[in-house]
Protein backbone atom coordinates (compact mmCIF):
# COMPACT_ATOMS: atom_id res chain seq x y z
CA UNK A 1 104.86 153.88 128.85
CA UNK A 2 104.72 157.38 127.28
CA UNK A 3 100.92 157.05 126.98
CA UNK A 4 100.74 157.53 130.74
CA UNK A 5 103.06 160.56 130.78
CA UNK A 6 101.57 163.95 131.71
CA UNK A 7 102.89 167.21 130.36
CA UNK A 8 104.78 169.13 133.04
CA UNK A 9 103.99 172.75 133.92
CA UNK A 10 106.65 174.60 131.92
CA UNK A 11 105.62 177.90 133.50
CA UNK A 12 106.85 176.71 136.93
CA UNK A 13 110.17 177.62 138.56
CA UNK A 14 111.63 174.17 137.71
CA UNK A 15 111.74 175.14 134.02
CA UNK A 16 112.92 178.77 134.43
CA UNK A 17 116.35 178.01 132.90
CA UNK A 18 114.75 176.28 129.92
CA UNK A 19 112.46 179.28 129.34
CA UNK A 20 115.42 181.69 129.52
CA UNK A 21 117.05 179.80 126.62
CA UNK A 22 114.07 180.63 124.44
CA UNK A 23 113.34 184.14 125.70
CA UNK A 24 114.45 187.07 123.48
CA UNK A 25 113.10 190.40 122.22
CA UNK A 26 110.18 188.76 120.39
CA UNK A 27 109.47 185.79 122.72
CA UNK A 28 108.39 186.47 126.29
CA UNK A 29 108.30 184.02 129.23
CA UNK A 30 104.71 182.79 128.58
CA UNK A 31 105.44 182.13 124.91
CA UNK A 32 108.60 180.20 125.88
CA UNK A 33 106.52 178.01 128.24
CA UNK A 34 104.04 177.33 125.43
CA UNK A 35 106.90 176.50 123.03
CA UNK A 36 108.36 174.07 125.59
CA UNK A 37 104.91 172.46 125.97
CA UNK A 38 104.53 172.10 122.21
CA UNK A 39 108.01 170.57 121.90
CA UNK A 40 107.15 168.15 124.72
CA UNK A 41 103.89 167.19 122.95
CA UNK A 42 105.76 166.53 119.69
CA UNK A 43 108.42 164.43 121.45
CA UNK A 44 105.81 162.54 123.48
CA UNK A 45 103.82 161.70 120.29
CA UNK A 46 107.02 160.25 118.74
CA UNK A 47 107.73 158.29 121.93
CA UNK A 48 104.15 156.94 121.92
CA UNK A 49 104.49 155.88 118.28
CA UNK A 50 107.83 154.11 118.96
CA UNK A 51 106.35 152.48 122.07
CA UNK A 52 103.28 151.21 120.22
CA UNK A 53 105.43 149.91 117.34
CA UNK A 54 107.72 148.08 119.77
CA UNK A 55 104.72 146.66 121.65
CA UNK A 56 103.19 145.42 118.38
CA UNK A 57 106.49 143.85 117.31
CA UNK A 58 106.85 142.09 120.66
CA UNK A 59 103.23 140.88 120.47
CA UNK A 60 103.83 139.61 116.91
CA UNK A 61 107.02 137.84 118.07
CA UNK A 62 105.08 136.25 120.92
CA UNK A 63 102.34 135.15 118.48
CA UNK A 64 104.95 133.71 116.10
CA UNK A 65 106.62 131.82 118.95
CA UNK A 66 103.24 130.51 120.13
CA UNK A 67 102.34 129.42 116.56
CA UNK A 68 105.72 127.73 116.16
CA UNK A 69 105.33 125.99 119.53
CA UNK A 70 101.82 124.83 118.54
CA UNK A 71 103.11 123.48 115.20
CA UNK A 72 106.01 121.72 116.97
CA UNK A 73 103.64 120.23 119.57
CA UNK A 74 101.21 119.07 116.86
CA UNK A 75 104.10 117.46 114.96
CA UNK A 76 105.35 115.73 118.12
CA UNK A 77 101.83 114.47 118.90
CA UNK A 78 101.41 113.25 115.31
CA UNK A 79 104.76 111.42 115.45
CA UNK A 80 103.87 109.92 118.83
CA UNK A 81 100.45 108.83 117.51
CA UNK A 82 102.08 107.22 114.45
CA UNK A 83 104.59 105.39 116.67
CA UNK A 84 101.78 104.15 118.93
CA UNK A 85 99.74 103.01 115.92
CA UNK A 86 102.78 101.24 114.46
CA UNK A 87 103.50 99.57 117.80
CA UNK A 88 99.84 98.51 118.10
CA UNK A 89 99.85 97.16 114.53
CA UNK A 90 103.03 95.20 115.31
CA UNK A 91 101.46 93.91 118.53
CA UNK A 92 98.30 92.89 116.64
CA UNK A 93 100.44 91.11 114.06
CA UNK A 94 102.38 89.19 116.74
CA UNK A 95 99.35 88.35 118.91
CA UNK A 96 96.49 87.83 116.47
CA UNK A 97 94.53 85.70 118.92
CA UNK A 98 94.68 88.42 121.58
CA UNK A 99 93.10 91.01 119.25
CA UNK A 100 90.66 88.70 117.46
CA UNK A 101 87.20 90.29 117.29
CA UNK A 102 84.67 88.86 119.70
CA UNK A 103 81.30 88.34 117.98
CA UNK A 104 78.37 89.88 119.79
CA UNK A 105 76.15 86.78 119.99
CA UNK A 106 74.08 85.37 122.79
CA UNK A 107 75.16 82.30 124.70
CA UNK A 108 73.13 79.25 123.58
CA UNK A 109 70.46 78.45 126.14
CA UNK A 110 69.70 74.94 124.88
CA UNK A 111 71.85 71.92 124.06
CA UNK A 112 74.32 72.33 121.20
CA UNK A 113 73.95 69.73 118.43
CA UNK A 114 77.32 68.76 116.96
CA UNK A 115 76.96 66.60 113.83
CA UNK A 116 79.43 63.91 112.77
CA UNK A 117 82.87 65.08 111.65
CA UNK A 118 82.19 63.58 108.22
CA UNK A 119 79.04 65.70 107.82
CA UNK A 120 80.78 68.87 109.06
CA UNK A 121 83.60 68.44 106.54
CA UNK A 122 81.13 67.88 103.71
CA UNK A 123 79.28 71.08 104.66
CA UNK A 124 82.52 73.07 104.80
CA UNK A 125 83.44 71.86 101.31
CA UNK A 126 79.95 72.81 100.10
CA UNK A 127 79.16 69.23 99.11
CA UNK A 128 75.88 67.38 99.43
CA UNK A 129 75.35 65.88 102.90
CA UNK A 130 72.58 63.49 103.86
CA UNK A 131 69.95 64.73 106.31
CA UNK A 132 70.42 61.53 108.33
CA UNK A 133 73.47 63.02 110.08
CA UNK A 134 71.24 65.75 111.59
CA UNK A 135 68.53 63.43 112.93
CA UNK A 136 68.49 62.24 116.55
CA UNK A 137 69.95 58.89 115.47
CA UNK A 138 72.72 60.55 113.44
CA UNK A 139 73.64 62.90 116.30
CA UNK A 140 73.64 60.00 118.79
CA UNK A 141 76.03 58.12 116.49
CA UNK A 142 78.25 61.24 116.27
CA UNK A 143 78.37 61.45 120.10
CA UNK A 144 79.62 57.86 120.33
CA UNK A 145 82.30 58.46 117.67
CA UNK A 146 85.83 58.75 119.17
CA UNK A 147 87.69 61.07 116.80
CA UNK A 148 91.02 60.81 118.66
CA UNK A 149 91.27 57.09 117.83
CA UNK A 150 89.46 56.95 114.49
CA UNK A 151 91.33 59.91 112.94
CA UNK A 152 94.51 57.83 112.87
CA UNK A 153 92.90 55.06 110.82
CA UNK A 154 93.16 55.14 107.03
CA UNK A 155 90.77 53.70 104.49
CA UNK A 156 91.52 52.74 100.87
CA UNK A 157 88.97 54.26 98.51
CA UNK A 158 88.62 54.50 94.76
CA UNK A 159 88.53 58.13 93.59
CA UNK A 160 86.48 59.55 90.68
CA UNK A 161 89.41 59.17 88.25
CA UNK A 162 89.77 55.46 89.04
CA UNK A 163 92.86 55.65 91.26
CA UNK A 164 92.97 54.12 94.73
CA UNK A 165 93.87 56.57 97.53
CA UNK A 166 94.32 56.35 101.29
CA UNK A 167 92.15 58.82 103.22
CA UNK A 168 91.40 59.21 106.96
CA UNK A 169 88.57 57.02 108.13
CA UNK A 170 86.83 60.05 109.68
CA UNK A 171 86.27 61.40 106.14
CA UNK A 172 84.28 58.32 105.11
CA UNK A 173 81.13 56.72 106.38
CA UNK A 174 79.62 53.25 106.17
CA UNK A 175 76.80 53.86 103.67
CA UNK A 176 74.79 50.91 104.97
CA UNK A 177 73.92 52.73 108.24
CA UNK A 178 72.92 56.00 106.54
CA UNK A 179 69.22 56.39 105.71
CA UNK A 180 68.60 58.11 102.37
CA UNK A 181 66.78 61.42 102.47
CA UNK A 182 63.74 60.05 100.67
CA UNK A 183 63.45 57.22 103.25
CA UNK A 184 63.39 59.52 106.30
CA UNK A 185 60.14 59.78 108.27
CA UNK A 186 58.46 63.17 108.53
CA UNK A 187 59.54 63.34 112.14
CA UNK A 188 63.18 62.70 111.22
CA UNK A 189 62.93 65.18 108.34
CA UNK A 190 61.62 67.85 110.76
CA UNK A 191 64.49 67.20 113.21
CA UNK A 192 67.15 67.22 110.51
CA UNK A 193 66.02 70.24 108.47
CA UNK A 194 66.13 72.65 111.43
CA UNK A 195 69.56 71.39 112.54
CA UNK A 196 70.98 71.43 109.02
CA UNK A 197 69.96 75.07 108.53
CA UNK A 198 71.51 75.99 111.90
CA UNK A 199 74.72 74.13 110.99
CA UNK A 200 75.01 75.95 107.67
């Protein structure tokens, strides 16, 4: 590093031959030493400038390499992230049940009232459903209903357009056992209204 270099003593014996090269009728020994010092200063300034330029170029090269390495690393991380996201999306597509969202609801503390299958299907279709199916009597009847046996039975019914169609027996009810809404007692109406709202 030429910045750390110190100018030698050109008036010493080590530089006597160099001074003799410059000595003549007009230049004495002291002037020759000063000339040698000035020449050294000029050369040292050029060396310092070259050194600083080279140091700056090397620092710029190092910065460029670091920037390029950072860009390459960011690109690799982006590609890896995209591959992981694609793999996760594929996994979610294959195993939908595994990644199904879990609703944040409390566990019921009381008994769960499950209405008759007929009433549930009517509610899902958005059709009118009698309140009777949500009373204590209707729920007791639903508990005694064996869907595994009755689902296999078919019933012949006349549709709205006049044609006769076969439908599962679980989709129909015996109307004679169902109490109309207007015939329910206030107690039954109170039981049914709360359960109907919860079921909807």
